[in-house]
C-alpha atoms as a PDB file:
ATOM      1  CA  MET A   1      59.643 -29.751  27.997  1.00  0.00           C
ATOM      2  CA  SER A   2      59.957 -26.332  29.638  1.00  0.00           C
ATOM      3  CA  ASP A   3      63.569 -26.010  28.385  1.00  0.00           C
ATOM      4  CA  LEU A   4      62.360 -26.739  24.844  1.00  0.00           C
ATOM      5  CA  ILE A   5      59.624 -24.083  25.062  1.00  0.00           C
ATOM      6  CA  VAL A   6      62.090 -21.498  26.388  1.00  0.00           C
ATOM      7  CA  SER A   7      64.626 -22.355  23.679  1.00  0.00           C
ATOM      8  CA  LEU A   8      62.036 -21.783  20.931  1.00  0.00           C
ATOM      9  CA  GLU A   9      60.953 -18.325  22.109  1.00  0.00           C
ATOM     10  CA  GLY A  10      61.285 -15.744  19.338  1.00  0.00           C
ATOM     11  CA  THR A  11      62.430 -18.282  16.701  1.00  0.00           C
ATOM     12  CA  GLU A  12      60.820 -19.287  13.409  1.00  0.00           C
ATOM     13  CA  ALA A  13      60.169 -22.761  14.806  1.00  0.00           C
ATOM     14  CA  GLY A  14      58.583 -21.132  17.840  1.00  0.00           C
ATOM     15  CA  HIS A  15      56.364 -19.059  15.550  1.00  0.00           C
ATOM     16  CA  ARG A  16      55.132 -22.167  13.740  1.00  0.00           C
ATOM     17  CA  LEU A  17      54.511 -23.976  17.010  1.00  0.00           C
ATOM     18  CA  ALA A  18      52.633 -20.941  18.359  1.00  0.00           C
ATOM     19  CA  LEU A  19      50.415 -20.987  15.246  1.00  0.00           C
ATOM     20  CA  ALA A  20      49.563 -24.661  15.755  1.00  0.00           C
ATOM     21  CA  LEU A  21      48.918 -24.140  19.470  1.00  0.00           C
ATOM     22  CA  ALA A  22      46.626 -21.143  18.835  1.00  0.00           C
ATOM     23  CA  LEU A  23      44.529 -23.108  16.337  1.00  0.00           C
ATOM     24  CA  LEU A  24      44.342 -26.070  18.729  1.00  0.00           C
ATOM     25  CA  ALA A  25      43.188 -23.673  21.433  1.00  0.00           C
ATOM     26  CA  ALA A  26      40.518 -22.301  19.072  1.00  0.00           C
ATOM     27  CA  PHE A  27      38.957 -25.705  18.505  1.00  0.00           C
ATOM     28  CA  LEU A  28      39.158 -26.721  22.149  1.00  0.00           C
ATOM     29  CA  HIS A  29      37.764 -23.384  23.351  1.00  0.00           C
ATOM     30  CA  ALA A  30      34.668 -23.897  21.207  1.00  0.00           C
ATOM     31  CA  VAL A  31      34.267 -27.375  22.696  1.00  0.00           C
ATOM     32  CA  PHE A  32      34.673 -25.890  26.162  1.00  0.00           C
ATOM     33  CA  GLY A  33      32.009 -23.248  25.506  1.00  0.00           C
ATOM     34  CA  ALA A  34      29.577 -25.873  24.252  1.00  0.00           C
ATOM     35  CA  LEU A  35      30.177 -27.985  27.357  1.00  0.00           C
ATOM     36  CA  GLN A  36      29.249 -25.027  29.554  1.00  0.00           C
ATOM     37  CA  LYS A  37      26.219 -24.052  27.463  1.00  0.00           C
ATOM     38  CA  GLY A  38      24.880 -27.556  26.815  1.00  0.00           C
ATOM     39  CA  ARG A  39      22.698 -29.858  28.872  1.00  0.00           C
ATOM     40  CA  HIS A  40      23.291 -28.498  32.383  1.00  0.00           C
ATOM     41  CA  ASP A  41      22.851 -25.123  34.057  1.00  0.00           C
ATOM     42  CA  PRO A  42      25.939 -23.037  33.046  1.00  0.00           C
ATOM     43  CA  TRP A  43      26.793 -22.316  36.687  1.00  0.00           C
ATOM     44  CA  LEU A  44      26.795 -26.019  37.560  1.00  0.00           C
ATOM     45  CA  SER A  45      28.822 -26.893  34.474  1.00  0.00           C
ATOM     46  CA  ARG A  46      31.380 -24.230  35.287  1.00  0.00           C
ATOM     47  CA  GLY A  47      31.638 -25.372  38.899  1.00  0.00           C
ATOM     48  CA  ALA A  48      32.127 -29.004  37.866  1.00  0.00           C
ATOM     49  CA  ILE A  49      34.759 -28.070  35.284  1.00  0.00           C
ATOM     50  CA  ASP A  50      36.687 -25.809  37.651  1.00  0.00           C
ATOM     51  CA  ALA A  51      36.626 -28.380  40.451  1.00  0.00           C
ATOM     52  CA  SER A  52      37.961 -31.002  38.036  1.00  0.00           C
ATOM     53  CA  TYR A  53      40.862 -28.997  36.656  1.00  0.00           C
ATOM     54  CA  GLY A  54      41.730 -27.632  40.093  1.00  0.00           C
ATOM     55  CA  LEU A  55      42.028 -31.155  41.501  1.00  0.00           C
ATOM     56  CA  MET A  56      43.962 -32.326  38.439  1.00  0.00           C
ATOM     57  CA  ALA A  57      46.405 -29.424  38.740  1.00  0.00           C
ATOM     58  CA  MET A  58      46.975 -29.735  42.494  1.00  0.00           C
ATOM     59  CA  PRO A  59      49.505 -32.619  42.477  1.00  0.00           C
ATOM     60  CA  ILE A  60      51.276 -31.130  39.449  1.00  0.00           C
ATOM     61  CA  ALA A  61      51.597 -27.756  41.158  1.00  0.00           C
ATOM     62  CA  LEU A  62      52.684 -29.170  44.501  1.00  0.00           C
ATOM     63  CA  PHE A  63      55.033 -31.937  43.401  1.00  0.00           C
ATOM     64  CA  LEU A  64      56.005 -31.823  39.711  1.00  0.00           C
ATOM     65  CA  VAL A  65      56.834 -28.238  38.698  1.00  0.00           C
ATOM     66  CA  PRO A  66      59.217 -25.774  40.351  1.00  0.00           C
ATOM     67  CA  PHE A  67      57.653 -23.656  43.104  1.00  0.00           C
ATOM     68  CA  PRO A  68      56.630 -20.156  41.945  1.00  0.00           C
ATOM     69  CA  GLU A  69      59.011 -17.287  42.555  1.00  0.00           C
ATOM     70  CA  PRO A  70      57.862 -14.815  45.267  1.00  0.00           C
ATOM     71  CA  HIS A  71      56.916 -12.155  42.715  1.00  0.00           C
ATOM     72  CA  MET A  72      54.423 -14.555  41.108  1.00  0.00           C
ATOM     73  CA  TRP A  73      51.941 -14.607  43.993  1.00  0.00           C
ATOM     74  CA  PRO A  74      50.507 -11.104  43.343  1.00  0.00           C
ATOM     75  CA  ILE A  75      50.261 -12.068  39.652  1.00  0.00           C
ATOM     76  CA  PHE A  76      48.274 -15.192  40.539  1.00  0.00           C
ATOM     77  CA  ALA A  77      46.006 -13.114  42.791  1.00  0.00           C
ATOM     78  CA  GLY A  78      45.277 -10.708  39.931  1.00  0.00           C
ATOM     79  CA  ALA A  79      44.598 -13.573  37.531  1.00  0.00           C
ATOM     80  CA  PHE A  80      42.202 -15.125  40.047  1.00  0.00           C
ATOM     81  CA  VAL A  81      40.166 -11.911  40.284  1.00  0.00           C
ATOM     82  CA  ILE A  82      40.069 -11.301  36.524  1.00  0.00           C
ATOM     83  CA  HIS A  83      39.134 -14.873  35.622  1.00  0.00           C
ATOM     84  CA  THR A  84      36.447 -15.064  38.302  1.00  0.00           C
ATOM     85  CA  GLY A  85      34.847 -11.911  36.918  1.00  0.00           C
ATOM     86  CA  TYR A  86      35.082 -13.334  33.394  1.00  0.00           C
ATOM     87  CA  LYS A  87      33.433 -16.609  34.387  1.00  0.00           C
ATOM     88  CA  ILE A  88      30.584 -14.846  36.184  1.00  0.00           C
ATOM     89  CA  MET A  89      29.871 -12.647  33.156  1.00  0.00           C
ATOM     90  CA  GLN A  90      30.121 -15.585  30.774  1.00  0.00           C
ATOM     91  CA  ALA A  91      27.697 -17.723  32.782  1.00  0.00           C
ATOM     92  CA  LEU A  92      25.238 -14.821  32.988  1.00  0.00           C
ATOM     93  CA  ALA A  93      25.466 -14.276  29.240  1.00  0.00           C
ATOM     94  CA  TYR A  94      24.900 -17.978  28.491  1.00  0.00           C
ATOM     95  CA  THR A  95      21.946 -18.007  30.865  1.00  0.00           C
ATOM     96  CA  LYS A  96      20.293 -15.086  29.061  1.00  0.00           C
ATOM     97  CA  GLY A  97      21.132 -15.716  25.411  1.00  0.00           C
ATOM     98  CA  ALA A  98      21.478 -18.385  22.723  1.00  0.00           C
ATOM     99  CA  TYR A  99      24.961 -19.858  22.402  1.00  0.00           C
ATOM    100  CA  THR A 100      25.372 -19.051  18.689  1.00  0.00           C
ATOM    101  CA  VAL A 101      24.569 -15.365  19.317  1.00  0.00           C
ATOM    102  CA  VAL A 102      26.415 -14.822  22.584  1.00  0.00           C
ATOM    103  CA  TYR A 103      29.599 -16.721  21.725  1.00  0.00           C
ATOM    104  CA  PRO A 104      30.512 -14.716  18.576  1.00  0.00           C
ATOM    105  CA  VAL A 105      30.030 -11.419  20.410  1.00  0.00           C
ATOM    106  CA  VAL A 106      32.248 -12.555  23.280  1.00  0.00           C
ATOM    107  CA  ARG A 107      34.970 -13.797  20.972  1.00  0.00           C
ATOM    108  CA  GLY A 108      34.697 -10.860  18.565  1.00  0.00           C
ATOM    109  CA  THR A 109      35.124  -8.210  21.247  1.00  0.00           C
ATOM    110  CA  GLY A 110      38.205  -9.835  22.734  1.00  0.00           C
ATOM    111  CA  PRO A 111      40.846  -9.878  19.967  1.00  0.00           C
ATOM    112  CA  LEU A 112      40.628  -6.204  19.000  1.00  0.00           C
ATOM    113  CA  PHE A 113      41.309  -5.037  22.545  1.00  0.00           C
ATOM    114  CA  THR A 114      43.908  -7.776  23.026  1.00  0.00           C
ATOM    115  CA  VAL A 115      45.868  -6.531  20.021  1.00  0.00           C
ATOM    116  CA  ILE A 116      45.711  -2.975  21.389  1.00  0.00           C
ATOM    117  CA  GLY A 117      46.687  -4.145  24.884  1.00  0.00           C
ATOM    118  CA  ALA A 118      49.581  -6.238  23.545  1.00  0.00           C
ATOM    119  CA  GLY A 119      50.834  -3.180  21.679  1.00  0.00           C
ATOM    120  CA  ILE A 120      50.810  -1.105  24.858  1.00  0.00           C
ATOM    121  CA  LEU A 121      52.164  -3.767  27.231  1.00  0.00           C
ATOM    122  CA  PHE A 122      54.576  -5.709  25.014  1.00  0.00           C
ATOM    123  CA  GLY A 123      55.325  -3.220  22.238  1.00  0.00           C
ATOM    124  CA  GLU A 124      53.871  -5.476  19.544  1.00  0.00           C
ATOM    125  CA  VAL A 125      53.146  -3.850  16.186  1.00  0.00           C
ATOM    126  CA  PHE A 126      50.681  -5.162  13.585  1.00  0.00           C
ATOM    127  CA  THR A 127      51.287  -4.386   9.919  1.00  0.00           C
ATOM    128  CA  GLY A 128      48.632  -2.737   7.777  1.00  0.00           C
ATOM    129  CA  VAL A 129      47.849  -6.096   6.173  1.00  0.00           C
ATOM    130  CA  GLN A 130      47.419  -7.686   9.590  1.00  0.00           C
ATOM    131  CA  TRP A 131      45.011  -4.940  10.661  1.00  0.00           C
ATOM    132  CA  LEU A 132      43.069  -5.646   7.460  1.00  0.00           C
ATOM    133  CA  GLY A 133      42.935  -9.291   8.516  1.00  0.00           C
ATOM    134  CA  VAL A 134      41.674  -8.301  11.963  1.00  0.00           C
ATOM    135  CA  GLY A 135      38.947  -6.244  10.300  1.00  0.00           C
ATOM    136  CA  VAL A 136      37.912  -9.128   8.037  1.00  0.00           C
ATOM    137  CA  LEU A 137      37.849 -11.560  10.946  1.00  0.00           C
ATOM    138  CA  LEU A 138      35.796  -9.214  13.140  1.00  0.00           C
ATOM    139  CA  ALA A 139      33.375  -8.518  10.272  1.00  0.00           C
ATOM    140  CA  GLY A 140      32.778 -12.238  10.006  1.00  0.00           C
ATOM    141  CA  ILE A 141      32.384 -12.742  13.748  1.00  0.00           C
ATOM    142  CA  PHE A 142      29.980  -9.855  14.307  1.00  0.00           C
ATOM    143  CA  GLY A 143      28.189 -10.646  11.059  1.00  0.00           C
ATOM    144  CA  LEU A 144      27.623 -14.131  12.403  1.00  0.00           C
ATOM    145  CA  ALA A 145      26.187 -12.693  15.610  1.00  0.00           C
ATOM    146  CA  VAL A 146      23.851 -10.361  13.672  1.00  0.00           C
ATOM    147  CA  TYR A 147      22.704 -13.178  11.406  1.00  0.00           C
ATOM    148  CA  ASN A 148      22.018 -15.443  14.371  1.00  0.00           C
ATOM    149  CA  PHE A 149      20.131 -12.608  16.041  1.00  0.00           C
ATOM    150  CA  ILE A 150      17.875 -12.051  13.002  1.00  0.00           C
ATOM    151  CA  PHE A 151      16.875 -15.692  12.789  1.00  0.00           C
ATOM    152  CA  LEU A 152      16.853 -16.433  16.498  1.00  0.00           C
ATOM    153  CA  GLU A 153      13.867 -18.464  17.626  1.00  0.00           C
ATOM    154  CA  THR A 154      14.545 -18.835  21.365  1.00  0.00           C
ATOM    155  CA  GLN A 155      15.466 -16.511  24.271  1.00  0.00           C
ATOM    156  CA  ARG A 156      14.753 -13.422  22.170  1.00  0.00           C
ATOM    157  CA  GLU A 157      13.099 -11.587  25.070  1.00  0.00           C
ATOM    158  CA  SER A 158      16.342 -11.617  27.102  1.00  0.00           C
ATOM    159  CA  LEU A 159      18.719 -11.060  24.209  1.00  0.00           C
ATOM    160  CA  GLY A 160      19.394  -7.369  24.919  1.00  0.00           C
ATOM    161  CA  ILE A 161      20.896  -7.997  28.335  1.00  0.00           C
ATOM    162  CA  ALA A 162      22.651 -11.100  26.966  1.00  0.00           C
ATOM    163  CA  LEU A 163      24.455  -8.986  24.348  1.00  0.00           C
ATOM    164  CA  ILE A 164      25.528  -6.420  26.945  1.00  0.00           C
ATOM    165  CA  LEU A 165      26.883  -9.203  29.132  1.00  0.00           C
ATOM    166  CA  ALA A 166      28.614 -10.716  26.091  1.00  0.00           C
ATOM    167  CA  VAL A 167      30.435  -7.448  25.320  1.00  0.00           C
ATOM    168  CA  ILE A 168      31.568  -7.138  28.953  1.00  0.00           C
ATOM    169  CA  THR A 169      32.745 -10.745  28.832  1.00  0.00           C
ATOM    170  CA  GLY A 170      34.681 -10.017  25.638  1.00  0.00           C
ATOM    171  CA  LEU A 171      36.468  -7.099  27.296  1.00  0.00           C
ATOM    172  CA  LEU A 172      37.426  -9.408  30.161  1.00  0.00           C
ATOM    173  CA  VAL A 173      38.739 -11.911  27.601  1.00  0.00           C
ATOM    174  CA  ALA A 174      41.077  -9.204  26.299  1.00  0.00           C
ATOM    175  CA  LEU A 175      42.120  -8.316  29.836  1.00  0.00           C
ATOM    176  CA  TYR A 176      42.890 -11.856  30.922  1.00  0.00           C
ATOM    177  CA  THR A 177      44.674 -12.705  27.666  1.00  0.00           C
ATOM    178  CA  THR A 178      47.153  -9.853  27.991  1.00  0.00           C
ATOM    179  CA  TYR A 179      47.467 -10.234  31.772  1.00  0.00           C
ATOM    180  CA  ASP A 180      48.081 -13.986  31.586  1.00  0.00           C
ATOM    181  CA  ALA A 181      50.612 -13.495  28.790  1.00  0.00           C
ATOM    182  CA  TYR A 182      52.449 -11.163  31.149  1.00  0.00           C
ATOM    183  CA  GLY A 183      52.188 -13.772  33.916  1.00  0.00           C
ATOM    184  CA  ILE A 184      53.512 -16.720  31.912  1.00  0.00           C
ATOM    185  CA  ARG A 185      56.443 -14.595  30.759  1.00  0.00           C
ATOM    186  CA  ALA A 186      57.219 -13.506  34.329  1.00  0.00           C
ATOM    187  CA  THR A 187      58.273 -16.971  35.525  1.00  0.00           C
ATOM    188  CA  ALA A 188      61.247 -19.034  34.418  1.00  0.00           C
ATOM    189  CA  ASN A 189      59.178 -22.192  33.903  1.00  0.00           C
ATOM    190  CA  PRO A 190      55.940 -21.691  31.894  1.00  0.00           C
ATOM    191  CA  PHE A 191      54.467 -24.906  33.306  1.00  0.00           C
ATOM    192  CA  THR A 192      54.781 -23.482  36.814  1.00  0.00           C
ATOM    193  CA  PHE A 193      52.429 -20.702  35.789  1.00  0.00           C
ATOM    194  CA  LEU A 194      49.970 -23.091  34.144  1.00  0.00           C
ATOM    195  CA  ALA A 195      49.850 -25.611  37.008  1.00  0.00           C
ATOM    196  CA  TRP A 196      49.459 -23.022  39.743  1.00  0.00           C
ATOM    197  CA  PHE A 197      46.986 -20.998  37.698  1.00  0.00           C
ATOM    198  CA  PHE A 198      44.644 -23.974  37.307  1.00  0.00           C
ATOM    199  CA  PHE A 199      45.079 -24.995  40.939  1.00  0.00           C
ATOM    200  CA  ILE A 200      44.199 -21.513  42.248  1.00  0.00           C
ATOM    201  CA  ASP A 201      41.573 -20.742  39.603  1.00  0.00           C
ATOM    202  CA  GLY A 202      39.682 -23.916  40.457  1.00  0.00           C
ATOM    203  CA  LEU A 203      38.781 -22.601  43.918  1.00  0.00           C
ATOM    204  CA  ALA A 204      36.210 -19.910  43.081  1.00  0.00           C
ATOM    205  CA  MET A 205      33.233 -21.445  41.280  1.00  0.00           C
ATOM    206  CA  PRO A 206      32.715 -24.921  42.849  1.00  0.00           C
ATOM    207  CA  PRO A 207      31.377 -23.622  46.221  1.00  0.00           C
ATOM    208  CA  TYR A 208      28.751 -21.514  44.465  1.00  0.00           C
ATOM    209  CA  ALA A 209      27.824 -24.407  42.170  1.00  0.00           C
ATOM    210  CA  VAL A 210      27.309 -26.690  45.193  1.00  0.00           C
ATOM    211  CA  TRP A 211      25.153 -24.048  46.900  1.00  0.00           C
ATOM    212  CA  ARG A 212      23.125 -23.514  43.710  1.00  0.00           C
ATOM    213  CA  TRP A 213      22.630 -27.258  43.200  1.00  0.00           C
ATOM    214  CA  SER A 214      21.481 -27.720  46.807  1.00  0.00           C
ATOM    215  CA  ARG A 215      18.735 -25.112  46.343  1.00  0.00           C
ATOM    216  CA  MET A 216      17.327 -26.532  43.096  1.00  0.00           C
ATOM    217  CA  ALA A 217      13.888 -28.115  43.214  1.00  0.00           C
ATOM    218  CA  ASP A 218      14.820 -30.496  40.392  1.00  0.00           C
ATOM    219  CA  ARG A 219      18.467 -31.314  40.997  1.00  0.00           C
ATOM    220  CA  PRO A 220      20.406 -32.877  38.122  1.00  0.00           C
ATOM    221  CA  THR A 221      22.051 -36.193  38.886  1.00  0.00           C
ATOM    222  CA  LEU A 222      25.690 -35.802  39.843  1.00  0.00           C
ATOM    223  CA  GLY A 223      27.142 -38.547  37.640  1.00  0.00           C
ATOM    224  CA  PRO A 224      26.614 -36.891  34.236  1.00  0.00           C
ATOM    225  CA  LEU A 225      27.516 -33.486  35.701  1.00  0.00           C
ATOM    226  CA  ALA A 226      30.771 -34.859  37.126  1.00  0.00           C
ATOM    227  CA  LEU A 227      31.583 -36.486  33.776  1.00  0.00           C
ATOM    228  CA  ARG A 228      31.010 -33.148  32.023  1.00  0.00           C
ATOM    229  CA  GLY A 229      33.312 -31.544  34.574  1.00  0.00           C
ATOM    230  CA  ILE A 230      36.101 -34.055  34.012  1.00  0.00           C
ATOM    231  CA  VAL A 231      35.898 -33.771  30.224  1.00  0.00           C
ATOM    232  CA  GLY A 232      35.707 -29.977  30.478  1.00  0.00           C
ATOM    233  CA  GLY A 233      38.674 -29.897  32.854  1.00  0.00           C
ATOM    234  CA  ILE A 234      40.840 -31.847  30.424  1.00  0.00           C
ATOM    235  CA  VAL A 235      39.712 -29.637  27.521  1.00  0.00           C
ATOM    236  CA  ALA A 236      40.463 -26.508  29.575  1.00  0.00           C
ATOM    237  CA  PHE A 237      43.991 -27.722  30.339  1.00  0.00           C
ATOM    238  CA  PHE A 238      44.830 -28.119  26.674  1.00  0.00           C
ATOM    239  CA  SER A 239      42.844 -25.112  25.425  1.00  0.00           C
ATOM    240  CA  PHE A 240      44.129 -22.521  27.881  1.00  0.00           C
ATOM    241  CA  GLY A 241      47.544 -24.137  28.125  1.00  0.00           C
ATOM    242  CA  SER A 242      47.967 -24.083  24.347  1.00  0.00           C
ATOM    243  CA  VAL A 243      47.139 -20.413  23.887  1.00  0.00           C
ATOM    244  CA  MET A 244      49.240 -19.366  26.888  1.00  0.00           C
ATOM    245  CA  LEU A 245      52.265 -21.242  25.557  1.00  0.00           C
ATOM    246  CA  ALA A 246      51.627 -19.601  22.180  1.00  0.00           C
ATOM    247  CA  THR A 247      51.756 -16.154  23.808  1.00  0.00           C
ATOM    248  CA  ARG A 248      55.098 -17.036  25.382  1.00  0.00           C
ATOM    249  CA  LEU A 249      56.546 -18.351  22.139  1.00  0.00           C
ATOM    250  CA  ASP A 250      55.359 -15.539  19.854  1.00  0.00           C
ATOM    251  CA  LYS A 251      53.163 -12.439  19.598  1.00  0.00           C
ATOM    252  CA  VAL A 252      50.245 -12.184  22.023  1.00  0.00           C
ATOM    253  CA  GLY A 253      48.078 -10.347  19.505  1.00  0.00           C
ATOM    254  CA  GLU A 254      48.506 -12.948  16.772  1.00  0.00           C
ATOM    255  CA  ALA A 255      47.711 -15.808  19.141  1.00  0.00           C
ATOM    256  CA  ALA A 256      44.592 -13.974  20.347  1.00  0.00           C
ATOM    257  CA  VAL A 257      43.336 -13.348  16.804  1.00  0.00           C
ATOM    258  CA  LEU A 258      43.969 -16.905  15.626  1.00  0.00           C
ATOM    259  CA  ARG A 259      42.215 -18.281  18.688  1.00  0.00           C
ATOM    260  CA  GLU A 260      39.048 -16.484  17.626  1.00  0.00           C
ATOM    261  CA  THR A 261      38.625 -18.891  14.745  1.00  0.00           C
ATOM    262  CA  SER A 262      36.970 -20.782  17.611  1.00  0.00           C
ATOM    263  CA  THR A 263      33.799 -19.035  16.417  1.00  0.00           C
ATOM    264  CA  VAL A 264      33.867 -21.209  13.296  1.00  0.00           C
ATOM    265  CA  PHE A 265      34.250 -24.343  15.378  1.00  0.00           C
ATOM    266  CA  ALA A 266      31.526 -23.118  17.753  1.00  0.00           C
ATOM    267  CA  ALA A 267      29.051 -22.705  14.910  1.00  0.00           C
ATOM    268  CA  VAL A 268      29.766 -26.231  13.697  1.00  0.00           C
ATOM    269  CA  ILE A 269      29.373 -27.595  17.242  1.00  0.00           C
ATOM    270  CA  GLY A 270      26.163 -25.609  17.691  1.00  0.00           C
ATOM    271  CA  TRP A 271      24.827 -27.230  14.521  1.00  0.00           C
ATOM    272  CA  LEU A 272      25.992 -30.802  15.109  1.00  0.00           C
ATOM    273  CA  VAL A 273      25.669 -31.089  18.896  1.00  0.00           C
ATOM    274  CA  LEU A 274      23.251 -28.406  20.087  1.00  0.00           C
ATOM    275  CA  LYS A 275      21.005 -28.800  17.003  1.00  0.00           C
ATOM    276  CA  GLU A 276      21.118 -25.084  16.138  1.00  0.00           C
ATOM    277  CA  THR A 277      20.494 -24.125  12.502  1.00  0.00           C
ATOM    278  CA  VAL A 278      23.423 -23.496  10.114  1.00  0.00           C
ATOM    279  CA  GLY A 279      22.826 -22.270   6.552  1.00  0.00           C
ATOM    280  CA  PRO A 280      24.832 -21.033   3.553  1.00  0.00           C
ATOM    281  CA  ARG A 281      25.012 -17.447   4.845  1.00  0.00           C
ATOM    282  CA  ARG A 282      26.533 -18.561   8.125  1.00  0.00           C
ATOM    283  CA  ILE A 283      28.971 -20.774   6.241  1.00  0.00           C
ATOM    284  CA  ALA A 284      29.999 -17.721   4.187  1.00  0.00           C
ATOM    285  CA  LEU A 285      30.521 -15.695   7.376  1.00  0.00           C
ATOM    286  CA  MET A 286      32.588 -18.478   8.899  1.00  0.00           C
ATOM    287  CA  THR A 287      34.707 -18.494   5.745  1.00  0.00           C
ATOM    288  CA  LEU A 288      35.224 -14.753   6.236  1.00  0.00           C
ATOM    289  CA  ILE A 289      36.464 -15.383   9.781  1.00  0.00           C
ATOM    290  CA  ALA A 290      38.928 -18.006   8.596  1.00  0.00           C
ATOM    291  CA  THR A 291      40.086 -15.709   5.773  1.00  0.00           C
ATOM    292  CA  GLY A 292      40.759 -12.926   8.258  1.00  0.00           C
ATOM    293  CA  ALA A 293      42.870 -15.249  10.371  1.00  0.00           C
ATOM    294  CA  VAL A 294      44.886 -16.313   7.316  1.00  0.00           C
ATOM    295  CA  ILE A 295      45.493 -12.655   6.375  1.00  0.00           C
ATOM    296  CA  VAL A 296      46.742 -11.897   9.898  1.00  0.00           C
ATOM    297  CA  GLU A 297      49.129 -14.834   9.755  1.00  0.00           C
ATOM    298  CA  MET A 298      50.403 -14.139   6.234  1.00  0.00           C
ATOM    299  CA  GLY A 299      50.568 -10.383   6.782  1.00  0.00           C
ATOM    300  CA  GLY A 300      53.150 -10.763   9.529  1.00  0.00           C
END
């Protein structure tokens, strides 16, 4: 599989596969966000998910993929720090604000800075039409956040700090997207990066989640929380793995922008699963997001 991925890098077939992987990542990332925001405390959900994918990745990293080259260890250390900071900010934002307000701000802040970072780090250049598409997509994403803010019925008193945390989280999304794209390109086998990333990344949050759970007066039962963690771990594998493979196959900036159609999926999930209101205006804004993504893809 790794030989096939490497052989498709920079080809038209690789571009098409990267498009499909980025859209798959968008849907799965929205599912992942809903899992963290849903029934359980976000810190507990994140700890359960990270523990699950860390344990799943361990045998793959140790026995199935080639061992990382020596130069990869500092890269993994940097990824660990960046992702831990991202997860802390994300959990704080979800604790303070409604999912349908916080999520669009997080995802809207990320792609703009990712495109800029990819231009600096990888020399990628967007055409004028693609920048128009980025603008349309961001207008839809931030418009969705503003609309949700206007009609928000819960957690309004803590929304200011939630939005600040969401913007910080979005900047960290841009940072980890470009950094991880550099990391997966720095090793001969992309699956070595993915397996070891998940194995190492799964170490940070579970200890805090256990400590937090032990101090709760009304502790949630572990069975449903563990199930959420297992499902979230599987979703994370395919979501993060898909977008990282897309950044190896094709442009980092395009993959990052297409992934942000996750906001459309998130709004649908918020409506169907979390019982949050969706109306014609939000549908129009979601259409704007999808249109922006199409312009970015066609404009290349």
